[in-house]
C-alpha cells in the first residue's frame, strides 16, 4: 500500500517476483504461473490476463473489457 506520505511501496513473493505495487495513483497486483510468467495483473480498470505457448511466448491477452488480442508465431 502507498504510505501516508505519498511514497510508493512494492511487495515480492519468495521467488522475487513483483506481486504488488502501490503508489498514490493506485495499486497494481500481479500473478505468475509456476514457470514465472506473468499470468494476470489487476489495477483500477480491472484484470488483464495473459496466456502463453510452450515456448513461453504470449499467445493472448484479455483486457478488463473482455477484449482479446491474440498472437500467432511462425516456425522461424
PDB file of N, CA and C in Angstrom:
ATOM      1  N   UNK A   1       0.830  -1.184   0.000  1.00  0.00           N
ATOM      2  CA  UNK A   1       0.000   0.000   0.000  1.00  0.00           C
ATOM      3  C   UNK A   1       0.875   1.249   0.000  1.00  0.00           C
ATOM      4  N   UNK A   2       0.371   2.309  -0.566  1.00  0.00           N
ATOM      5  CA  UNK A   2       1.103   3.569  -0.535  1.00  0.00           C
ATOM      6  C   UNK A   2       1.086   4.121   0.879  1.00  0.00           C
ATOM      7  N   UNK A   3       2.182   4.714   1.258  1.00  0.00           N
ATOM      8  CA  UNK A   3       2.260   5.272   2.603  1.00  0.00           C
ATOM      9  C   UNK A   3       1.525   6.600   2.661  1.00  0.00           C
ATOM     10  N   UNK A   4       1.247   7.049   3.863  1.00  0.00           N
ATOM     11  CA  UNK A   4       0.519   8.306   4.033  1.00  0.00           C
ATOM     12  C   UNK A   4       1.329   9.495   3.537  1.00  0.00           C
ATOM     13  N   UNK A   5       2.641   9.333   3.422  1.00  0.00           N
ATOM     14  CA  UNK A   5       3.476  10.431   2.933  1.00  0.00           C
ATOM     15  C   UNK A   5       3.501  10.497   1.408  1.00  0.00           C
ATOM     16  N   UNK A   6       2.799   9.580   0.757  1.00  0.00           N
ATOM     17  CA  UNK A   6       2.721   9.598  -0.697  1.00  0.00           C
ATOM     18  C   UNK A   6       3.789   8.776  -1.383  1.00  0.00           C
ATOM     19  N   UNK A   7       4.564   8.029  -0.621  1.00  0.00           N
ATOM     20  CA  UNK A   7       5.589   7.172  -1.214  1.00  0.00           C
ATOM     21  C   UNK A   7       4.960   5.938  -1.844  1.00  0.00           C
ATOM     22  N   UNK A   8       5.705   5.317  -2.723  1.00  0.00           N
ATOM     23  CA  UNK A   8       5.268   4.066  -3.335  1.00  0.00           C
ATOM     24  C   UNK A   8       5.897   2.891  -2.609  1.00  0.00           C
ATOM     25  N   UNK A   9       5.192   1.771  -2.596  1.00  0.00           N
ATOM     26  CA  UNK A   9       5.715   0.553  -1.987  1.00  0.00           C
ATOM     27  C   UNK A   9       5.491  -0.608  -2.940  1.00  0.00           C
ATOM     28  N   UNK A  10       6.232  -1.680  -2.733  1.00  0.00           N
ATOM     29  CA  UNK A  10       6.050  -2.871  -3.538  1.00  0.00           C
ATOM     30  C   UNK A  10       6.270  -4.093  -2.681  1.00  0.00           C
ATOM     31  N   UNK A  11       5.713  -5.210  -3.149  1.00  0.00           N
ATOM     32  CA  UNK A  11       5.859  -6.496  -2.466  1.00  0.00           C
ATOM     33  C   UNK A  11       6.272  -7.532  -3.494  1.00  0.00           C
ATOM     34  N   UNK A  12       7.098  -8.471  -3.053  1.00  0.00           N
ATOM     35  CA  UNK A  12       7.552  -9.567  -3.906  1.00  0.00           C
ATOM     36  C   UNK A  12       7.267 -10.889  -3.213  1.00  0.00           C
ATOM     37  N   UNK A  13       7.128 -11.949  -4.007  1.00  0.00           N
ATOM     38  CA  UNK A  13       6.946 -13.279  -3.438  1.00  0.00           C
ATOM     39  C   UNK A  13       8.311 -13.913  -3.160  1.00  0.00           C
ATOM     40  N   UNK A  14       8.320 -15.153  -2.730  1.00  0.00           N
ATOM     41  CA  UNK A  14       9.572 -15.820  -2.364  1.00  0.00           C
ATOM     42  C   UNK A  14      10.502 -16.039  -3.556  1.00  0.00           C
ATOM     43  N   UNK A  15       9.965 -15.936  -4.778  1.00  0.00           N
ATOM     44  CA  UNK A  15      10.787 -16.070  -5.984  1.00  0.00           C
ATOM     45  C   UNK A  15      11.351 -14.729  -6.442  1.00  0.00           C
ATOM     46  N   UNK A  16      10.992 -13.661  -5.738  1.00  0.00           N
ATOM     47  CA  UNK A  16      11.446 -12.332  -6.113  1.00  0.00           C
ATOM     48  C   UNK A  16      10.590 -11.663  -7.169  1.00  0.00           C
ATOM     49  N   UNK A  17       9.442 -12.249  -7.473  1.00  0.00           N
ATOM     50  CA  UNK A  17       8.535 -11.681  -8.467  1.00  0.00           C
ATOM     51  C   UNK A  17       7.684 -10.591  -7.821  1.00  0.00           C
ATOM     52  N   UNK A  18       7.544  -9.489  -8.518  1.00  0.00           N
ATOM     53  CA  UNK A  18       6.715  -8.394  -8.029  1.00  0.00           C
ATOM     54  C   UNK A  18       5.266  -8.855  -7.949  1.00  0.00           C
ATOM     55  N   UNK A  19       4.656  -8.758  -6.781  1.00  0.00           N
ATOM     56  CA  UNK A  19       3.264  -9.176  -6.617  1.00  0.00           C
ATOM     57  C   UNK A  19       2.323  -8.001  -6.394  1.00  0.00           C
ATOM     58  N   UNK A  20       2.868  -6.879  -5.938  1.00  0.00           N
ATOM     59  CA  UNK A  20       2.015  -5.705  -5.735  1.00  0.00           C
ATOM     60  C   UNK A  20       2.864  -4.446  -5.769  1.00  0.00           C
ATOM     61  N   UNK A  21       2.340  -3.428  -6.433  1.00  0.00           N
ATOM     62  CA  UNK A  21       2.952  -2.108  -6.451  1.00  0.00           C
ATOM     63  C   UNK A  21       1.865  -1.119  -6.084  1.00  0.00           C
ATOM     64  N   UNK A  22       2.141  -0.290  -5.103  1.00  0.00           N
ATOM     65  CA  UNK A  22       1.151   0.701  -4.669  1.00  0.00           C
ATOM     66  C   UNK A  22       1.784   2.082  -4.687  1.00  0.00           C
ATOM     67  N   UNK A  23       1.062   3.027  -5.240  1.00  0.00           N
ATOM     68  CA  UNK A  23       1.501   4.417  -5.283  1.00  0.00           C
ATOM     69  C   UNK A  23       0.286   5.288  -4.990  1.00  0.00           C
ATOM     70  N   UNK A  24       0.489   6.577  -4.842  1.00  0.00           N
ATOM     71  CA  UNK A  24      -0.671   7.444  -4.634  1.00  0.00           C
ATOM     72  C   UNK A  24      -1.693   7.357  -5.774  1.00  0.00           C
ATOM     73  N   UNK A  25      -1.264   6.900  -6.950  1.00  0.00           N
ATOM     74  CA  UNK A  25      -2.177   6.785  -8.091  1.00  0.00           C
ATOM     75  C   UNK A  25      -2.992   5.499  -8.069  1.00  0.00           C
ATOM     76  N   UNK A  26      -2.614   4.537  -7.233  1.00  0.00           N
ATOM     77  CA  UNK A  26      -3.369   3.293  -7.160  1.00  0.00           C
ATOM     78  C   UNK A  26      -2.479   2.092  -6.929  1.00  0.00           C
ATOM     79  N   UNK A  27      -3.109   0.932  -6.887  1.00  0.00           N
ATOM     80  CA  UNK A  27      -2.412  -0.321  -6.613  1.00  0.00           C
ATOM     81  C   UNK A  27      -2.563  -1.267  -7.799  1.00  0.00           C
ATOM     82  N   UNK A  28      -1.479  -1.956  -8.123  1.00  0.00           N
ATOM     83  CA  UNK A  28      -1.492  -2.984  -9.160  1.00  0.00           C
ATOM     84  C   UNK A  28      -1.009  -4.279  -8.521  1.00  0.00           C
ATOM     85  N   UNK A  29      -1.760  -5.357  -8.728  1.00  0.00           N
ATOM     86  CA  UNK A  29      -1.381  -6.681  -8.229  1.00  0.00           C
ATOM     87  C   UNK A  29      -1.027  -7.567  -9.413  1.00  0.00           C
ATOM     88  N   UNK A  30      -0.021  -8.429  -9.232  1.00  0.00           N
ATOM     89  CA  UNK A  30       0.490  -9.280 -10.298  1.00  0.00           C
ATOM     90  C   UNK A  30       0.431 -10.738  -9.875  1.00  0.00           C
ATOM     91  N   UNK A  31       0.139 -11.641 -10.828  1.00  0.00           N
ATOM     92  CA  UNK A  31       0.126 -13.086 -10.568  1.00  0.00           C
ATOM     93  C   UNK A  31       0.975 -13.781 -11.630  1.00  0.00           C
ATOM     94  N   UNK A  32       1.592 -14.893 -11.233  1.00  0.00           N
ATOM     95  CA  UNK A  32       2.520 -15.623 -12.096  1.00  0.00           C
ATOM     96  C   UNK A  32       2.194 -17.107 -12.074  1.00  0.00           C
ATOM     97  N   UNK A  33       2.584 -17.805 -13.131  1.00  0.00           N
ATOM     98  CA  UNK A  33       2.443 -19.261 -13.129  1.00  0.00           C
ATOM     99  C   UNK A  33       3.721 -19.895 -12.572  1.00  0.00           C
ATOM    100  N   UNK A  34       3.754 -21.221 -12.528  1.00  0.00           N
ATOM    101  CA  UNK A  34       4.895 -21.931 -11.943  1.00  0.00           C
ATOM    102  C   UNK A  34       6.192 -21.676 -12.706  1.00  0.00           C
ATOM    103  N   UNK A  35       6.087 -21.296 -13.982  1.00  0.00           N
ATOM    104  CA  UNK A  35       7.267 -21.003 -14.792  1.00  0.00           C
ATOM    105  C   UNK A  35       7.747 -19.565 -14.615  1.00  0.00           C
ATOM    106  N   UNK A  36       7.042 -18.792 -13.794  1.00  0.00           N
ATOM    107  CA  UNK A  36       7.424 -17.410 -13.550  1.00  0.00           C
ATOM    108  C   UNK A  36       6.917 -16.430 -14.583  1.00  0.00           C
ATOM    109  N   UNK A  37       5.973 -16.874 -15.409  1.00  0.00           N
ATOM    110  CA  UNK A  37       5.402 -15.989 -16.424  1.00  0.00           C
ATOM    111  C   UNK A  37       4.234 -15.213 -15.826  1.00  0.00           C
ATOM    112  N   UNK A  38       4.159 -13.939 -16.156  1.00  0.00           N
ATOM    113  CA  UNK A  38       3.050 -13.104 -15.700  1.00  0.00           C
ATOM    114  C   UNK A  38       1.759 -13.632 -16.304  1.00  0.00           C
ATOM    115  N   UNK A  39       0.792 -14.000 -15.476  1.00  0.00           N
ATOM    116  CA  UNK A  39      -0.482 -14.525 -15.973  1.00  0.00           C
ATOM    117  C   UNK A  39      -1.614 -13.516 -15.860  1.00  0.00           C
ATOM    118  N   UNK A  40      -1.482 -12.564 -14.942  1.00  0.00           N
ATOM    119  CA  UNK A  40      -2.508 -11.532 -14.834  1.00  0.00           C
ATOM    120  C   UNK A  40      -1.992 -10.373 -14.001  1.00  0.00           C
ATOM    121  N   UNK A  41      -2.619  -9.242 -14.234  1.00  0.00           N
ATOM    122  CA  UNK A  41      -2.404  -8.098 -13.356  1.00  0.00           C
ATOM    123  C   UNK A  41      -3.728  -7.372 -13.208  1.00  0.00           C
ATOM    124  N   UNK A  42      -3.913  -6.816 -12.034  1.00  0.00           N
ATOM    125  CA  UNK A  42      -5.166  -6.151 -11.705  1.00  0.00           C
ATOM    126  C   UNK A  42      -4.871  -4.740 -11.238  1.00  0.00           C
ATOM    127  N   UNK A  43      -5.569  -3.781 -11.837  1.00  0.00           N
ATOM    128  CA  UNK A  43      -5.463  -2.387 -11.426  1.00  0.00           C
ATOM    129  C   UNK A  43      -6.873  -1.818 -11.306  1.00  0.00           C
ATOM    130  N   UNK A  44      -6.981  -0.519 -11.227  1.00  0.00           N
ATOM    131  CA  UNK A  44      -8.288   0.108 -11.035  1.00  0.00           C
ATOM    132  C   UNK A  44      -9.256  -0.206 -12.174  1.00  0.00           C
ATOM    133  N   UNK A  45      -8.742  -0.467 -13.363  1.00  0.00           N
ATOM    134  CA  UNK A  45      -9.595  -0.765 -14.516  1.00  0.00           C
ATOM    135  C   UNK A  45     -10.128  -2.189 -14.489  1.00  0.00           C
ATOM    136  N   UNK A  46      -9.447  -3.083 -13.767  1.00  0.00           N
ATOM    137  CA  UNK A  46      -9.844  -4.486 -13.722  1.00  0.00           C
ATOM    138  C   UNK A  46      -8.657  -5.393 -13.962  1.00  0.00           C
ATOM    139  N   UNK A  47      -8.941  -6.624 -14.358  1.00  0.00           N
ATOM    140  CA  UNK A  47      -7.893  -7.632 -14.528  1.00  0.00           C
ATOM    141  C   UNK A  47      -7.578  -7.854 -15.999  1.00  0.00           C
ATOM    142  N   UNK A  48      -6.298  -7.898 -16.294  1.00  0.00           N
ATOM    143  CA  UNK A  48      -5.791  -8.267 -17.611  1.00  0.00           C
ATOM    144  C   UNK A  48      -5.121  -9.620 -17.468  1.00  0.00           C
ATOM    145  N   UNK A  49      -5.454 -10.569 -18.358  1.00  0.00           N
ATOM    146  CA  UNK A  49      -4.911 -11.930 -18.287  1.00  0.00           C
ATOM    147  C   UNK A  49      -4.095 -12.243 -19.531  1.00  0.00           C
ATOM    148  N   UNK A  50      -3.028 -13.016 -19.336  1.00  0.00           N
ATOM    149  CA  UNK A  50      -2.164 -13.416 -20.432  1.00  0.00           C
ATOM    150  C   UNK A  50      -2.036 -14.931 -20.470  1.00  0.00           C
ATOM    151  N   UNK A  51      -1.938 -15.493 -21.690  1.00  0.00           N
ATOM    152  CA  UNK A  51      -1.652 -16.919 -21.846  1.00  0.00           C
ATOM    153  C   UNK A  51      -0.428 -17.060 -22.743  1.00  0.00           C
ATOM    154  N   UNK A  52       0.212 -18.223 -22.643  1.00  0.00           N
ATOM    155  CA  UNK A  52       1.488 -18.464 -23.314  1.00  0.00           C
ATOM    156  C   UNK A  52       1.475 -19.800 -24.040  1.00  0.00           C
ATOM    157  N   UNK A  53       2.360 -19.921 -25.040  1.00  0.00           N
ATOM    158  CA  UNK A  53       2.550 -21.211 -25.687  1.00  0.00           C
ATOM    159  C   UNK A  53       3.686 -21.958 -24.988  1.00  0.00           C
ATOM    160  N   UNK A  54       4.047 -23.139 -25.507  1.00  0.00           N
ATOM    161  CA  UNK A  54       5.083 -23.955 -24.874  1.00  0.00           C
ATOM    162  C   UNK A  54       6.463 -23.319 -24.923  1.00  0.00           C
ATOM    163  N   UNK A  55       6.651 -22.327 -25.792  1.00  0.00           N
ATOM    164  CA  UNK A  55       7.920 -21.611 -25.889  1.00  0.00           C
ATOM    165  C   UNK A  55       7.908 -20.339 -25.039  1.00  0.00           C
ATOM    166  N   UNK A  56       6.897 -20.195 -24.189  1.00  0.00           N
ATOM    167  CA  UNK A  56       6.736 -19.041 -23.288  1.00  0.00           C
ATOM    168  C   UNK A  56       6.507 -17.725 -24.024  1.00  0.00           C
ATOM    169  N   UNK A  57       5.939 -17.811 -25.218  1.00  0.00           N
ATOM    170  CA  UNK A  57       5.571 -16.599 -25.949  1.00  0.00           C
ATOM    171  C   UNK A  57       4.113 -16.276 -25.654  1.00  0.00           C
ATOM    172  N   UNK A  58       3.809 -15.006 -25.501  1.00  0.00           N
ATOM    173  CA  UNK A  58       2.427 -14.589 -25.245  1.00  0.00           C
ATOM    174  C   UNK A  58       1.570 -14.965 -26.446  1.00  0.00           C
ATOM    175  N   UNK A  59       0.463 -15.643 -26.195  1.00  0.00           N
ATOM    176  CA  UNK A  59      -0.456 -16.009 -27.276  1.00  0.00           C
ATOM    177  C   UNK A  59      -1.770 -15.239 -27.204  1.00  0.00           C
ATOM    178  N   UNK A  60      -2.134 -14.779 -26.010  1.00  0.00           N
ATOM    179  CA  UNK A  60      -3.341 -13.958 -25.919  1.00  0.00           C
ATOM    180  C   UNK A  60      -3.292 -13.068 -24.689  1.00  0.00           C
ATOM    181  N   UNK A  61      -3.979 -11.962 -24.819  1.00  0.00           N
ATOM    182  CA  UNK A  61      -4.141 -11.006 -23.727  1.00  0.00           C
ATOM    183  C   UNK A  61      -5.605 -10.613 -23.712  1.00  0.00           C
ATOM    184  N   UNK A  62      -6.242 -10.739 -22.567  1.00  0.00           N
ATOM    185  CA  UNK A  62      -7.638 -10.333 -22.405  1.00  0.00           C
ATOM    186  C   UNK A  62      -7.657  -9.170 -21.431  1.00  0.00           C
ATOM    187  N   UNK A  63      -8.156  -8.025 -21.891  1.00  0.00           N
ATOM    188  CA  UNK A  63      -8.158  -6.836 -21.044  1.00  0.00           C
ATOM    189  C   UNK A  63      -9.402  -6.792 -20.155  1.00  0.00           C
ATOM    190  N   UNK A  64      -9.491  -5.801 -19.272  1.00  0.00           N
ATOM    191  CA  UNK A  64     -10.632  -5.733 -18.352  1.00  0.00           C
ATOM    192  C   UNK A  64     -11.991  -5.581 -19.032  1.00  0.00           C
ATOM    193  N   UNK A  65     -11.992  -5.242 -20.317  1.00  0.00           N
ATOM    194  CA  UNK A  65     -13.247  -5.069 -21.050  1.00  0.00           C
ATOM    195  C   UNK A  65     -13.595  -6.317 -21.859  1.00  0.00           C
ATOM    196  N   UNK A  66     -12.891  -7.423 -21.575  1.00  0.00           N
ATOM    197  CA  UNK A  66     -13.069  -8.712 -22.258  1.00  0.00           C
ATOM    198  C   UNK A  66     -12.686  -8.662 -23.727  1.00  0.00           C
ATOM    199  N   UNK A  67     -11.856  -7.706 -24.104  1.00  0.00           N
ATOM    200  CA  UNK A  67     -11.334  -7.636 -25.464  1.00  0.00           C
ATOM    201  C   UNK A  67     -10.063  -8.481 -25.518  1.00  0.00           C
ATOM    202  N   UNK A  68      -9.959  -9.326 -26.528  1.00  0.00           N
ATOM    203  CA  UNK A  68      -8.830 -10.241 -26.645  1.00  0.00           C
ATOM    204  C   UNK A  68      -7.921  -9.840 -27.796  1.00  0.00           C
ATOM    205  N   UNK A  69      -6.631  -9.828 -27.527  1.00  0.00           N
ATOM    206  CA  UNK A  69      -5.606  -9.675 -28.550  1.00  0.00           C
ATOM    207  C   UNK A  69      -4.858 -10.992 -28.609  1.00  0.00           C
ATOM    208  N   UNK A  70      -4.683 -11.526 -29.819  1.00  0.00           N
ATOM    209  CA  UNK A  70      -4.012 -12.821 -29.981  1.00  0.00           C
ATOM    210  C   UNK A  70      -2.768 -12.670 -30.838  1.00  0.00           C
ATOM    211  N   UNK A  71      -1.785 -13.509 -30.566  1.00  0.00           N
ATOM    212  CA  UNK A  71      -0.554 -13.559 -31.334  1.00  0.00           C
ATOM    213  C   UNK A  71      -0.353 -14.968 -31.848  1.00  0.00           C
ATOM    214  N   UNK A  72       0.125 -15.071 -33.098  1.00  0.00           N
ATOM    215  CA  UNK A  72       0.473 -16.351 -33.705  1.00  0.00           C
ATOM    216  C   UNK A  72       1.907 -16.218 -34.202  1.00  0.00           C
ATOM    217  N   UNK A  73       2.708 -17.222 -33.955  1.00  0.00           N
ATOM    218  CA  UNK A  73       4.119 -17.184 -34.318  1.00  0.00           C
ATOM    219  C   UNK A  73       4.407 -18.207 -35.404  1.00  0.00           C
ATOM    220  N   UNK A  74       5.318 -17.846 -36.313  1.00  0.00           N
ATOM    221  CA  UNK A  74       5.724 -18.822 -37.320  1.00  0.00           C
ATOM    222  C   UNK A  74       6.847 -19.689 -36.752  1.00  0.00           C
ATOM    223  N   UNK A  75       7.293 -20.638 -37.518  1.00  0.00           N
ATOM    224  CA  UNK A  75       8.287 -21.594 -37.034  1.00  0.00           C
ATOM    225  C   UNK A  75       9.708 -21.042 -37.053  1.00  0.00           C
ATOM    226  N   UNK A  76       9.911 -19.859 -37.581  1.00  0.00           N
ATOM    227  CA  UNK A  76      11.264 -19.301 -37.721  1.00  0.00           C
ATOM    228  C   UNK A  76      11.952 -19.064 -36.411  1.00  0.00           C
TER     229      UNK A  76
END
